[in-house]
Amino acid sequence: MSDIKIGRMVMGAYQTNCYFLYRDGSQDVIVFDPGDKGANIYNALRKNGFKVKAILLTHGHFDHIWGLDEFRDAVNAAAESDDLESVQVYACERERELLKDVRLNMSAQAGRPCSTYADVYVKDGQELTIAGITLRVIETPGHTEGSCCYYAEEAGILVAGDTLFEESVGRSDFPTGSTGTLVRSIQDKLFILPDETKVYPGHGDSTTIDHEKKYNPFCAMEG
C-alpha cells in the first residue's frame, strides 16, 4: 500500500481545488493549481511544517493561476533565506500562450487580468520525480489546448484539473477548447487507467475512473 497522501484546499470564489501531494511522514510537498490567495496557501502549508518542492499546473485558466505568482514568490523567498534552490512551476508546453494571454486565460473577462508563466514546460508521457514521488504527465486537450493531468501510478491518484469531474466534464466553450477533443482525451487517455484510480478534479469532490466510465453522461463507457 502506498504511503502517498493528498490534501486539498478550496480556494477563491470559484471554489478551485488546490491539492498538495506528499509521502506520509515527509515534509516535502508538490502543490497543484494555486488558484487564489497564494500567500494564504503558503502560510497554511508552512504552519503545518511542509516544504514546497514544485508547483504543477493542470491548465492556465484564471481560477487556477490567480494565486500562482504570489505563491511562487513566497516559496522562493523562503528558499532563498534558507539558501535552497528556487521552486519551479510546471505546465504543459501547449499551455504557454494561454498562461500569458489575459484574454485566452479568461482573467481579463473575470475582472483580474493575470499574465504568468511556467518555469518548465512538459509533454505527454513525460515522467517527473519530485519529493520522492513519480508523476506521469497525461496531455488531455479539450478544456484548453494545453490541459493535462498528473498520474501517480504508485498511489492510484490522478490530479485531473478541469478535464474530468464527478459525473461531468470541463467546459469546452472557452478559448482553445473543443468538446470532441475533450471527450476523446477522457476516453482514450484516462479511461484506460485502472478502474480503481482515484480522480481528483479541479472543482468538486473526488471520484474514480470506474464510476465515470459507468455513470458519466458525457463520456460513459459500457462494459
C-alpha atoms as a PDB file:
ATOM      1  CA  MET A   1       0.000   0.000   0.000  1.00  0.00           C
ATOM      2  CA  SER A   2       1.396   3.398  -0.989  1.00  0.00           C
ATOM      3  CA  ASP A   3       2.247   5.987   1.658  1.00  0.00           C
ATOM      4  CA  ILE A   4       1.495   8.850  -0.723  1.00  0.00           C
ATOM      5  CA  LYS A   5      -1.111  11.223   0.697  1.00  0.00           C
ATOM      6  CA  ILE A   6      -3.135  14.008  -0.882  1.00  0.00           C
ATOM      7  CA  GLY A   7      -4.556  17.103   0.764  1.00  0.00           C
ATOM      8  CA  ARG A   8      -6.866  19.808  -0.529  1.00  0.00           C
ATOM      9  CA  MET A   9      -7.531  23.488  -0.009  1.00  0.00           C
ATOM     10  CA  VAL A  10     -10.570  25.036  -1.726  1.00  0.00           C
ATOM     11  CA  MET A  11      -9.678  28.487  -2.956  1.00  0.00           C
ATOM     12  CA  GLY A  12     -11.492  31.620  -4.072  1.00  0.00           C
ATOM     13  CA  ALA A  13     -14.912  32.498  -5.401  1.00  0.00           C
ATOM     14  CA  TYR A  14     -14.758  29.685  -7.962  1.00  0.00           C
ATOM     15  CA  GLN A  15     -14.037  27.033  -5.301  1.00  0.00           C
ATOM     16  CA  THR A  16     -10.944  25.750  -7.073  1.00  0.00           C
ATOM     17  CA  ASN A  17      -9.277  22.700  -5.566  1.00  0.00           C
ATOM     18  CA  CYS A  18      -5.633  23.299  -4.738  1.00  0.00           C
ATOM     19  CA  TYR A  19      -4.078  19.898  -3.983  1.00  0.00           C
ATOM     20  CA  PHE A  20      -0.841  19.009  -2.271  1.00  0.00           C
ATOM     21  CA  LEU A  21       0.796  15.599  -2.561  1.00  0.00           C
ATOM     22  CA  TYR A  22       3.338  14.159  -0.137  1.00  0.00           C
ATOM     23  CA  ARG A  23       4.622  10.964   1.429  1.00  0.00           C
ATOM     24  CA  ASP A  24       3.376  10.175   4.901  1.00  0.00           C
ATOM     25  CA  GLY A  25       5.947  11.416   7.379  1.00  0.00           C
ATOM     26  CA  SER A  26       7.682  13.701   4.878  1.00  0.00           C
ATOM     27  CA  GLN A  27       7.652  17.487   4.907  1.00  0.00           C
ATOM     28  CA  ASP A  28       8.179  17.749   1.146  1.00  0.00           C
ATOM     29  CA  VAL A  29       5.069  18.524  -0.929  1.00  0.00           C
ATOM     30  CA  ILE A  30       4.063  19.047  -4.545  1.00  0.00           C
ATOM     31  CA  VAL A  31       1.351  21.680  -4.971  1.00  0.00           C
ATOM     32  CA  PHE A  32      -1.170  21.691  -7.816  1.00  0.00           C
ATOM     33  CA  ASP A  33      -3.096  24.720  -9.120  1.00  0.00           C
ATOM     34  CA  PRO A  34      -2.741  27.521  -6.555  1.00  0.00           C
ATOM     35  CA  GLY A  35      -5.977  29.139  -7.666  1.00  0.00           C
ATOM     36  CA  ASP A  36      -6.116  32.208  -5.435  1.00  0.00           C
ATOM     37  CA  LYS A  37      -4.622  33.841  -2.339  1.00  0.00           C
ATOM     38  CA  GLY A  38      -1.162  32.411  -2.860  1.00  0.00           C
ATOM     39  CA  ALA A  39       0.178  33.796   0.413  1.00  0.00           C
ATOM     40  CA  ASN A  40      -2.607  32.031   2.312  1.00  0.00           C
ATOM     41  CA  ILE A  41      -1.722  28.726   0.674  1.00  0.00           C
ATOM     42  CA  TYR A  42       1.942  29.171   1.521  1.00  0.00           C
ATOM     43  CA  ASN A  43       1.230  30.140   5.129  1.00  0.00           C
ATOM     44  CA  ALA A  44      -1.120  27.181   5.656  1.00  0.00           C
ATOM     45  CA  LEU A  45       1.479  24.731   4.350  1.00  0.00           C
ATOM     46  CA  ARG A  46       4.276  26.334   6.357  1.00  0.00           C
ATOM     47  CA  LYS A  47       2.161  26.268   9.524  1.00  0.00           C
ATOM     48  CA  ASN A  48       1.875  22.506   9.091  1.00  0.00           C
ATOM     49  CA  GLY A  49       5.600  22.092   8.518  1.00  0.00           C
ATOM     50  CA  PHE A  50       5.501  21.440   4.779  1.00  0.00           C
ATOM     51  CA  LYS A  51       8.185  22.466   2.309  1.00  0.00           C
ATOM     52  CA  VAL A  52       7.091  23.078  -1.275  1.00  0.00           C
ATOM     53  CA  LYS A  53       9.262  21.294  -3.840  1.00  0.00           C
ATOM     54  CA  ALA A  54       7.319  22.069  -7.031  1.00  0.00           C
ATOM     55  CA  ILE A  55       4.165  23.710  -8.345  1.00  0.00           C
ATOM     56  CA  LEU A  56       2.263  21.879 -11.073  1.00  0.00           C
ATOM     57  CA  LEU A  57      -0.461  23.405 -13.233  1.00  0.00           C
ATOM     58  CA  THR A  58      -3.152  21.324 -14.910  1.00  0.00           C
ATOM     59  CA  HIS A  59      -4.057  24.273 -17.158  1.00  0.00           C
ATOM     60  CA  GLY A  60      -3.931  28.040 -17.260  1.00  0.00           C
ATOM     61  CA  HIS A  61      -7.438  29.338 -16.635  1.00  0.00           C
ATOM     62  CA  PHE A  62      -7.647  32.319 -14.284  1.00  0.00           C
ATOM     63  CA  ASP A  63      -9.229  30.417 -11.413  1.00  0.00           C
ATOM     64  CA  HIS A  64      -6.271  28.036 -11.338  1.00  0.00           C
ATOM     65  CA  ILE A  65      -3.489  30.634 -11.628  1.00  0.00           C
ATOM     66  CA  TRP A  66      -4.649  33.771  -9.777  1.00  0.00           C
ATOM     67  CA  GLY A  67      -2.594  32.797  -6.729  1.00  0.00           C
ATOM     68  CA  LEU A  68       0.396  31.430  -8.637  1.00  0.00           C
ATOM     69  CA  ASP A  69       2.803  34.356  -8.709  1.00  0.00           C
ATOM     70  CA  GLU A  70       2.164  35.318  -5.089  1.00  0.00           C
ATOM     71  CA  PHE A  71       2.616  31.689  -4.045  1.00  0.00           C
ATOM     72  CA  ARG A  72       5.769  31.206  -6.125  1.00  0.00           C
ATOM     73  CA  ASP A  73       7.257  34.430  -4.724  1.00  0.00           C
ATOM     74  CA  ALA A  74       6.531  33.400  -1.129  1.00  0.00           C
ATOM     75  CA  VAL A  75       8.000  29.928  -1.612  1.00  0.00           C
ATOM     76  CA  ASN A  76      11.123  31.233  -3.325  1.00  0.00           C
ATOM     77  CA  ALA A  77      11.694  33.992  -0.783  1.00  0.00           C
ATOM     78  CA  ALA A  78      11.753  31.320   1.919  1.00  0.00           C
ATOM     79  CA  ALA A  79      14.030  29.120  -0.197  1.00  0.00           C
ATOM     80  CA  GLU A  80      16.460  31.992  -0.683  1.00  0.00           C
ATOM     81  CA  SER A  81      16.573  32.745   3.019  1.00  0.00           C
ATOM     82  CA  ASP A  82      17.387  29.079   3.688  1.00  0.00           C
ATOM     83  CA  ASP A  83      19.970  29.003   0.864  1.00  0.00           C
ATOM     84  CA  LEU A  84      17.903  26.478  -1.109  1.00  0.00           C
ATOM     85  CA  GLU A  85      17.179  26.207  -4.830  1.00  0.00           C
ATOM     86  CA  SER A  86      14.188  28.075  -6.248  1.00  0.00           C
ATOM     87  CA  VAL A  87      10.995  26.086  -6.728  1.00  0.00           C
ATOM     88  CA  GLN A  88       9.866  25.584 -10.316  1.00  0.00           C
ATOM     89  CA  VAL A  89       6.396  25.759 -11.855  1.00  0.00           C
ATOM     90  CA  TYR A  90       5.465  23.076 -14.395  1.00  0.00           C
ATOM     91  CA  ALA A  91       2.808  23.220 -17.115  1.00  0.00           C
ATOM     92  CA  CYS A  92       2.085  21.580 -20.445  1.00  0.00           C
ATOM     93  CA  GLU A  93       4.025  23.037 -23.380  1.00  0.00           C
ATOM     94  CA  ARG A  94       0.823  23.767 -25.297  1.00  0.00           C
ATOM     95  CA  GLU A  95      -0.438  25.985 -22.462  1.00  0.00           C
ATOM     96  CA  ARG A  96       2.375  28.514 -22.784  1.00  0.00           C
ATOM     97  CA  GLU A  97       0.398  31.145 -24.713  1.00  0.00           C
ATOM     98  CA  LEU A  98      -2.761  30.781 -22.652  1.00  0.00           C
ATOM     99  CA  LEU A  99      -0.867  31.342 -19.409  1.00  0.00           C
ATOM    100  CA  LYS A 100       0.405  34.719 -20.536  1.00  0.00           C
ATOM    101  CA  ASP A 101      -2.594  35.960 -22.557  1.00  0.00           C
ATOM    102  CA  VAL A 102      -5.210  37.585 -20.307  1.00  0.00           C
ATOM    103  CA  ARG A 103      -7.945  37.050 -22.893  1.00  0.00           C
ATOM    104  CA  LEU A 104      -7.170  33.410 -23.586  1.00  0.00           C
ATOM    105  CA  ASN A 105      -6.978  32.547 -19.892  1.00  0.00           C
ATOM    106  CA  MET A 106     -10.212  34.488 -19.229  1.00  0.00           C
ATOM    107  CA  SER A 107      -8.710  36.559 -16.428  1.00  0.00           C
ATOM    108  CA  ALA A 108      -9.475  39.850 -18.187  1.00  0.00           C
ATOM    109  CA  GLN A 109     -13.131  38.889 -18.560  1.00  0.00           C
ATOM    110  CA  ALA A 110     -13.207  37.850 -14.890  1.00  0.00           C
ATOM    111  CA  GLY A 111     -12.009  41.305 -13.819  1.00  0.00           C
ATOM    112  CA  ARG A 112      -8.486  40.453 -12.610  1.00  0.00           C
ATOM    113  CA  PRO A 113      -6.104  40.289 -15.569  1.00  0.00           C
ATOM    114  CA  CYS A 114      -3.351  37.773 -14.879  1.00  0.00           C
ATOM    115  CA  SER A 115      -0.392  37.009 -17.126  1.00  0.00           C
ATOM    116  CA  THR A 116       2.032  34.396 -15.866  1.00  0.00           C
ATOM    117  CA  TYR A 117       4.410  31.620 -16.940  1.00  0.00           C
ATOM    118  CA  ALA A 118       5.793  28.224 -16.059  1.00  0.00           C
ATOM    119  CA  ASP A 119       9.480  27.625 -15.459  1.00  0.00           C
ATOM    120  CA  VAL A 120       9.352  24.168 -17.039  1.00  0.00           C
ATOM    121  CA  TYR A 121       7.104  23.066 -19.902  1.00  0.00           C
ATOM    122  CA  VAL A 122       6.321  19.359 -20.128  1.00  0.00           C
ATOM    123  CA  LYS A 123       4.924  16.981 -22.736  1.00  0.00           C
ATOM    124  CA  ASP A 124       2.682  13.931 -22.877  1.00  0.00           C
ATOM    125  CA  GLY A 125       4.181  10.845 -21.272  1.00  0.00           C
ATOM    126  CA  GLN A 126       6.962  12.716 -19.509  1.00  0.00           C
ATOM    127  CA  GLU A 127       7.744  11.465 -16.015  1.00  0.00           C
ATOM    128  CA  LEU A 128       8.576  13.822 -13.166  1.00  0.00           C
ATOM    129  CA  THR A 129      10.096  12.607  -9.914  1.00  0.00           C
ATOM    130  CA  ILE A 130       9.764  15.276  -7.245  1.00  0.00           C
ATOM    131  CA  ALA A 131       9.746  14.926  -3.453  1.00  0.00           C
ATOM    132  CA  GLY A 132      10.242  11.197  -3.920  1.00  0.00           C
ATOM    133  CA  ILE A 133       7.025  10.884  -5.942  1.00  0.00           C
ATOM    134  CA  THR A 134       6.892   9.949  -9.622  1.00  0.00           C
ATOM    135  CA  LEU A 135       4.145  11.528 -11.724  1.00  0.00           C
ATOM    136  CA  ARG A 136       3.345  10.905 -15.384  1.00  0.00           C
ATOM    137  CA  VAL A 137       2.122  13.792 -17.487  1.00  0.00           C
ATOM    138  CA  ILE A 138      -1.019  12.924 -19.474  1.00  0.00           C
ATOM    139  CA  GLU A 139      -1.939  15.558 -22.039  1.00  0.00           C
ATOM    140  CA  THR A 140      -5.731  15.885 -22.154  1.00  0.00           C
ATOM    141  CA  PRO A 141      -6.605  18.706 -24.557  1.00  0.00           C
ATOM    142  CA  GLY A 142     -10.229  19.784 -24.812  1.00  0.00           C
ATOM    143  CA  HIS A 143     -10.944  22.029 -21.858  1.00  0.00           C
ATOM    144  CA  THR A 144      -7.981  24.013 -23.113  1.00  0.00           C
ATOM    145  CA  GLU A 145      -5.447  23.063 -25.758  1.00  0.00           C
ATOM    146  CA  GLY A 146      -2.773  22.534 -23.135  1.00  0.00           C
ATOM    147  CA  SER A 147      -4.763  20.880 -20.363  1.00  0.00           C
ATOM    148  CA  CYS A 148      -3.048  17.941 -18.718  1.00  0.00           C
ATOM    149  CA  CYS A 149      -3.440  15.534 -15.822  1.00  0.00           C
ATOM    150  CA  TYR A 150      -0.816  14.134 -13.475  1.00  0.00           C
ATOM    151  CA  TYR A 151      -0.889  10.424 -12.639  1.00  0.00           C
ATOM    152  CA  ALA A 152       0.824   8.917  -9.599  1.00  0.00           C
ATOM    153  CA  GLU A 153       0.661   5.247 -10.571  1.00  0.00           C
ATOM    154  CA  GLU A 154       2.088   4.031  -7.280  1.00  0.00           C
ATOM    155  CA  ALA A 155      -0.805   5.546  -5.339  1.00  0.00           C
ATOM    156  CA  GLY A 156      -3.516   5.255  -7.998  1.00  0.00           C
ATOM    157  CA  ILE A 157      -4.049   9.029  -7.920  1.00  0.00           C
ATOM    158  CA  LEU A 158      -4.969  11.221 -10.882  1.00  0.00           C
ATOM    159  CA  VAL A 159      -4.964  15.005 -10.484  1.00  0.00           C
ATOM    160  CA  ALA A 160      -7.341  15.840 -13.305  1.00  0.00           C
ATOM    161  CA  GLY A 161      -7.785  19.605 -13.362  1.00  0.00           C
ATOM    162  CA  ASP A 162     -10.907  20.603 -15.269  1.00  0.00           C
ATOM    163  CA  THR A 163     -10.778  17.691 -17.701  1.00  0.00           C
ATOM    164  CA  LEU A 164     -12.881  15.202 -15.740  1.00  0.00           C
ATOM    165  CA  PHE A 165     -15.307  15.856 -12.888  1.00  0.00           C
ATOM    166  CA  GLU A 166     -17.625  13.641 -10.880  1.00  0.00           C
ATOM    167  CA  GLU A 167     -20.250  12.711 -13.492  1.00  0.00           C
ATOM    168  CA  SER A 168     -19.300  15.710 -15.602  1.00  0.00           C
ATOM    169  CA  VAL A 169     -16.521  17.199 -17.727  1.00  0.00           C
ATOM    170  CA  GLY A 170     -14.892  20.585 -18.106  1.00  0.00           C
ATOM    171  CA  ARG A 171     -16.415  23.280 -20.273  1.00  0.00           C
ATOM    172  CA  SER A 172     -15.187  23.372 -23.842  1.00  0.00           C
ATOM    173  CA  ASP A 173     -16.643  26.699 -24.996  1.00  0.00           C
ATOM    174  CA  PHE A 174     -13.724  28.812 -23.763  1.00  0.00           C
ATOM    175  CA  PRO A 175     -10.736  29.803 -25.959  1.00  0.00           C
ATOM    176  CA  THR A 176      -8.752  26.798 -27.288  1.00  0.00           C
ATOM    177  CA  GLY A 177     -11.452  24.367 -26.036  1.00  0.00           C
ATOM    178  CA  SER A 178     -13.103  21.595 -28.072  1.00  0.00           C
ATOM    179  CA  THR A 179     -15.896  19.232 -26.997  1.00  0.00           C
ATOM    180  CA  GLY A 180     -14.893  16.398 -29.303  1.00  0.00           C
ATOM    181  CA  THR A 181     -11.255  16.653 -28.320  1.00  0.00           C
ATOM    182  CA  LEU A 182     -12.163  16.683 -24.625  1.00  0.00           C
ATOM    183  CA  VAL A 183     -14.267  13.521 -24.836  1.00  0.00           C
ATOM    184  CA  ARG A 184     -11.570  11.742 -26.850  1.00  0.00           C
ATOM    185  CA  SER A 185      -8.956  12.730 -24.291  1.00  0.00           C
ATOM    186  CA  ILE A 186     -11.009  11.217 -21.492  1.00  0.00           C
ATOM    187  CA  GLN A 187     -11.922   8.034 -23.331  1.00  0.00           C
ATOM    188  CA  ASP A 188      -8.526   7.393 -24.928  1.00  0.00           C
ATOM    189  CA  LYS A 189      -6.180   8.551 -22.168  1.00  0.00           C
ATOM    190  CA  LEU A 190      -7.981   8.481 -18.826  1.00  0.00           C
ATOM    191  CA  PHE A 191     -10.428   5.611 -19.164  1.00  0.00           C
ATOM    192  CA  ILE A 192      -7.532   3.253 -19.909  1.00  0.00           C
ATOM    193  CA  LEU A 193      -6.205   3.791 -16.384  1.00  0.00           C
ATOM    194  CA  PRO A 194      -7.052   1.177 -13.723  1.00  0.00           C
ATOM    195  CA  ASP A 195     -10.695   1.314 -12.658  1.00  0.00           C
ATOM    196  CA  GLU A 196      -9.768   1.942  -9.044  1.00  0.00           C
ATOM    197  CA  THR A 197      -7.798   5.089  -9.894  1.00  0.00           C
ATOM    198  CA  LYS A 198      -8.954   7.944  -7.679  1.00  0.00           C
ATOM    199  CA  VAL A 199      -9.690  11.107  -9.655  1.00  0.00           C
ATOM    200  CA  TYR A 200      -9.146  14.488  -8.002  1.00  0.00           C
ATOM    201  CA  PRO A 201     -10.774  17.193 -10.155  1.00  0.00           C
ATOM    202  CA  GLY A 202     -10.245  20.941 -10.229  1.00  0.00           C
ATOM    203  CA  HIS A 203     -13.663  21.571  -8.662  1.00  0.00           C
ATOM    204  CA  GLY A 204     -15.947  19.422  -6.558  1.00  0.00           C
ATOM    205  CA  ASP A 205     -15.459  16.026  -4.985  1.00  0.00           C
ATOM    206  CA  SER A 206     -13.230  13.132  -5.955  1.00  0.00           C
ATOM    207  CA  THR A 207     -14.424  10.168  -7.970  1.00  0.00           C
ATOM    208  CA  THR A 208     -12.964   7.065  -9.634  1.00  0.00           C
ATOM    209  CA  ILE A 209     -12.273   6.021 -13.192  1.00  0.00           C
ATOM    210  CA  ASP A 210     -14.668   3.101 -12.798  1.00  0.00           C
ATOM    211  CA  HIS A 211     -17.512   5.349 -11.639  1.00  0.00           C
ATOM    212  CA  GLU A 212     -17.013   7.776 -14.515  1.00  0.00           C
ATOM    213  CA  LYS A 213     -16.862   5.010 -17.113  1.00  0.00           C
ATOM    214  CA  LYS A 214     -20.241   3.805 -15.894  1.00  0.00           C
ATOM    215  CA  TYR A 215     -22.093   6.968 -14.944  1.00  0.00           C
ATOM    216  CA  ASN A 216     -20.582   9.998 -16.637  1.00  0.00           C
ATOM    217  CA  PRO A 217     -23.290  11.081 -19.149  1.00  0.00           C
ATOM    218  CA  PHE A 218     -20.795  12.922 -21.318  1.00  0.00           C
ATOM    219  CA  CYS A 219     -18.441  10.030 -21.945  1.00  0.00           C
ATOM    220  CA  ALA A 220     -19.696   6.922 -20.126  1.00  0.00           C
ATOM    221  CA  MET A 221     -18.453   3.595 -21.463  1.00  0.00           C
ATOM    222  CA  GLU A 222     -20.215   0.287 -21.024  1.00  0.00           C
ATOM    223  CA  GLY A 223     -18.606  -2.983 -20.136  1.00  0.00           C
END
